[in-house]
Amino acid sequence: MKDRKKPAIRFKGFTEDWEQRMVSQLFKVTRGYVLAATQTETEKTDEKPYPVYSSQTKDKGLMGYYKDYLYEDAITWTTDGANAGTVNYRAGKFYCTNVCGVLLSNEVKANQMIAEALNNIAKRYVSYVGNPKLMNNVMADIVIQMPIQVEEREQLSLFFTNIDNLITLHQ
């Protein structure tokens, strides 16, 4: 960002400064729960309709489908292992395993824009002593730049979602 309070390129109609906020000021920081892969299905069914996300990055972390969900419309990140620090926005209801941290909407609504902002910097905070880790307390202290206006965050989220969808289409 050019003058550190505003990005150089913006959507029309947005001129306000961006702000720096700590993750803990924006979200409730928590994590998923243990779930054996044998309890999931590889395909979505009426009995197991909810996606389960794990620490893997294949298929954006999709491990399978399960009968229950834990969260809805939240941001997850990989807490342990080779992919520690990988951040994703999860739209809809989902379950995630214990190696996923979760950011639940509190002060602001979780969305793709905030997930992308975190994904750009989260790896810098991973501890590489032994098994790589990005624990909840460290994630909570990360500071990101973000638009003050909700409308600008939503427009950026839609932009990133559309790009992701185009990439998926062409793979």
Protein backbone atom coordinates (compact mmCIF):
# COMPACT_ATOMS: atom_id res chain seq x y z
CA MET A 1 0.00 0.00 0.00
CA LYS A 2 1.42 3.30 -1.17
CA ASP A 3 0.97 5.59 1.82
CA ARG A 4 0.33 2.67 4.18
CA LYS A 5 -3.26 3.73 4.87
CA LYS A 6 -4.71 3.22 1.40
CA PRO A 7 -3.94 0.77 -1.39
CA ALA A 8 -2.71 2.25 -4.69
CA ILE A 9 -5.49 0.55 -6.70
CA ARG A 10 -9.10 0.57 -5.51
CA PHE A 11 -12.63 0.02 -6.72
CA LYS A 12 -14.42 3.22 -7.71
CA GLY A 13 -16.23 5.04 -4.94
CA PHE A 14 -13.93 4.00 -2.09
CA THR A 15 -11.57 6.62 -0.71
CA GLU A 16 -11.45 6.09 3.06
CA ASP A 17 -8.24 5.01 4.75
CA TRP A 18 -7.78 1.37 5.66
CA GLU A 19 -7.13 0.42 9.26
CA GLN A 20 -4.81 -1.97 11.05
CA ARG A 21 -6.55 -4.44 13.35
CA MET A 22 -5.44 -7.44 15.37
CA VAL A 23 -7.21 -10.69 14.59
CA SER A 24 -8.37 -10.95 18.23
CA GLN A 25 -10.12 -7.57 17.86
CA LEU A 26 -12.10 -8.88 14.90
CA PHE A 27 -12.81 -12.54 15.63
CA LYS A 28 -13.32 -15.16 18.29
CA VAL A 29 -10.32 -17.48 17.90
CA THR A 30 -10.98 -21.21 18.40
CA ARG A 31 -10.29 -24.55 16.69
CA GLY A 32 -11.94 -27.68 15.36
CA TYR A 33 -12.37 -31.10 16.97
CA VAL A 34 -10.92 -34.55 16.47
CA LEU A 35 -12.74 -36.57 13.81
CA ALA A 36 -11.54 -39.87 12.36
CA ALA A 37 -11.46 -39.98 8.57
CA THR A 38 -13.36 -43.28 8.78
CA GLN A 39 -16.40 -41.37 10.09
CA THR A 40 -16.59 -39.27 6.92
CA GLU A 41 -17.82 -40.01 3.40
CA THR A 42 -15.87 -39.06 0.29
CA GLU A 43 -19.07 -37.89 -1.42
CA LYS A 44 -21.78 -35.60 -0.05
CA THR A 45 -24.95 -37.52 0.93
CA ASP A 46 -28.27 -36.68 2.57
CA GLU A 47 -26.97 -38.30 5.78
CA LYS A 48 -23.57 -36.57 5.61
CA PRO A 49 -24.06 -33.21 3.89
CA TYR A 50 -21.47 -31.06 5.68
CA PRO A 51 -17.91 -30.64 4.39
CA VAL A 52 -15.08 -31.56 6.76
CA TYR A 53 -11.85 -29.58 6.46
CA SER A 54 -8.48 -30.74 7.72
CA SER A 55 -4.89 -29.51 7.58
CA GLN A 56 -4.25 -30.82 4.08
CA THR A 57 -4.19 -28.41 1.15
CA LYS A 58 -5.41 -30.86 -1.51
CA ASP A 59 -8.97 -29.93 -2.53
CA LYS A 60 -8.65 -26.80 -0.35
CA GLY A 61 -8.47 -29.00 2.74
CA LEU A 62 -11.64 -31.02 2.06
CA MET A 63 -11.32 -34.34 3.89
CA GLY A 64 -14.86 -35.60 3.30
CA TYR A 65 -18.43 -35.10 4.50
CA TYR A 66 -20.00 -35.60 7.93
CA LYS A 67 -23.44 -35.66 9.59
CA ASP A 68 -22.83 -32.66 11.87
CA TYR A 69 -21.38 -29.20 11.50
CA LEU A 70 -19.49 -27.06 13.99
CA TYR A 71 -19.33 -23.65 12.36
CA GLU A 72 -20.82 -21.52 9.61
CA ASP A 73 -19.23 -18.84 7.40
CA ALA A 74 -15.84 -18.69 9.11
CA ILE A 75 -12.14 -18.49 8.35
CA THR A 76 -9.92 -21.51 9.02
CA TRP A 77 -6.18 -22.01 9.07
CA THR A 78 -3.89 -25.00 9.32
CA THR A 79 -2.36 -25.02 12.81
CA ASP A 80 0.15 -27.89 12.50
CA GLY A 81 2.34 -29.58 9.94
CA ALA A 82 3.81 -28.74 6.55
CA ASN A 83 0.85 -26.53 5.62
CA ALA A 84 0.75 -24.54 8.88
CA GLY A 85 -0.38 -20.99 8.20
CA THR A 86 -2.57 -21.77 5.17
CA VAL A 87 -5.76 -19.69 5.52
CA ASN A 88 -9.16 -20.25 3.84
CA TYR A 89 -12.63 -18.75 4.02
CA ARG A 90 -15.35 -21.40 4.51
CA ALA A 91 -18.79 -20.39 3.26
CA GLY A 92 -21.76 -22.24 4.72
CA LYS A 93 -21.94 -24.87 7.44
CA PHE A 94 -18.89 -27.09 7.95
CA TYR A 95 -16.94 -29.28 10.36
CA CYS A 96 -13.20 -28.94 10.81
CA THR A 97 -10.67 -31.13 12.53
CA ASN A 98 -8.48 -30.30 15.51
CA VAL A 99 -5.56 -29.25 13.27
CA CYS A 100 -7.61 -26.30 12.02
CA GLY A 101 -7.87 -23.01 13.80
CA VAL A 102 -11.14 -21.14 13.32
CA LEU A 103 -11.95 -17.43 13.27
CA LEU A 104 -15.60 -16.80 14.09
CA SER A 105 -17.31 -13.53 13.20
CA ASN A 106 -17.34 -11.17 16.13
CA GLU A 107 -16.52 -7.54 15.36
CA VAL A 108 -16.57 -8.06 11.58
CA LYS A 109 -18.07 -10.64 9.23
CA ALA A 110 -15.66 -13.36 8.09
CA ASN A 111 -15.17 -13.24 4.34
CA GLN A 112 -12.83 -14.07 1.46
CA MET A 113 -11.08 -10.67 1.58
CA ILE A 114 -9.97 -11.08 5.19
CA ALA A 115 -8.95 -14.70 4.57
CA GLU A 116 -6.77 -13.57 1.63
CA ALA A 117 -5.21 -10.78 3.71
CA LEU A 118 -4.33 -13.30 6.43
CA ASN A 119 -3.13 -15.93 3.96
CA ASN A 120 -0.64 -13.39 2.58
CA ILE A 121 1.09 -12.95 5.95
CA ALA A 122 0.25 -15.92 8.22
CA LYS A 123 3.24 -18.06 7.12
CA ARG A 124 5.56 -15.40 8.61
CA TYR A 125 4.19 -16.27 12.05
CA VAL A 126 4.62 -20.05 11.81
CA SER A 127 7.07 -21.52 14.34
CA TYR A 128 9.41 -23.95 12.59
CA VAL A 129 10.91 -25.44 15.75
CA GLY A 130 10.22 -29.15 15.25
CA ASN A 131 6.79 -29.62 13.67
CA PRO A 132 5.66 -26.32 12.05
CA LYS A 133 2.88 -24.63 14.08
CA LEU A 134 0.68 -21.55 14.02
CA MET A 135 -1.18 -21.66 17.29
CA ASN A 136 -4.31 -19.73 18.31
CA ASN A 137 -2.50 -17.23 20.54
CA VAL A 138 -0.10 -16.30 17.72
CA MET A 139 -2.91 -15.98 15.15
CA ALA A 140 -4.84 -13.78 17.59
CA ASP A 141 -1.96 -11.27 17.65
CA ILE A 142 -1.51 -10.96 13.86
CA VAL A 143 -2.28 -7.47 12.55
CA ILE A 144 -3.86 -6.98 9.12
CA GLN A 145 -4.73 -3.96 6.99
CA MET A 146 -8.38 -3.85 5.98
CA PRO A 147 -10.99 -1.46 4.61
CA ILE A 148 -13.05 0.37 7.19
CA GLN A 149 -16.11 0.25 4.93
CA VAL A 150 -18.06 -3.02 4.96
CA GLU A 151 -19.05 -2.47 1.32
CA GLU A 152 -15.42 -2.34 0.22
CA ARG A 153 -14.61 -5.55 2.12
CA GLU A 154 -17.59 -7.25 0.48
CA GLN A 155 -16.62 -6.05 -3.00
CA LEU A 156 -13.05 -7.30 -2.52
CA SER A 157 -14.41 -10.62 -1.23
CA LEU A 158 -16.55 -11.03 -4.32
CA PHE A 159 -13.57 -10.16 -6.53
CA PHE A 160 -11.35 -12.81 -4.86
CA THR A 161 -14.15 -15.40 -4.94
CA ASN A 162 -14.68 -14.81 -8.67
CA ILE A 163 -10.96 -15.18 -9.36
CA ASP A 164 -10.84 -18.42 -7.35
CA ASN A 165 -13.83 -19.75 -9.29
CA LEU A 166 -12.19 -18.88 -12.62
CA ILE A 167 -8.97 -20.61 -11.60
CA THR A 168 -10.91 -23.71 -10.55
CA LEU A 169 -12.78 -23.72 -13.86
CA HIS A 170 -9.55 -23.68 -15.85
CA GLN A 171 -7.76 -26.41 -13.91
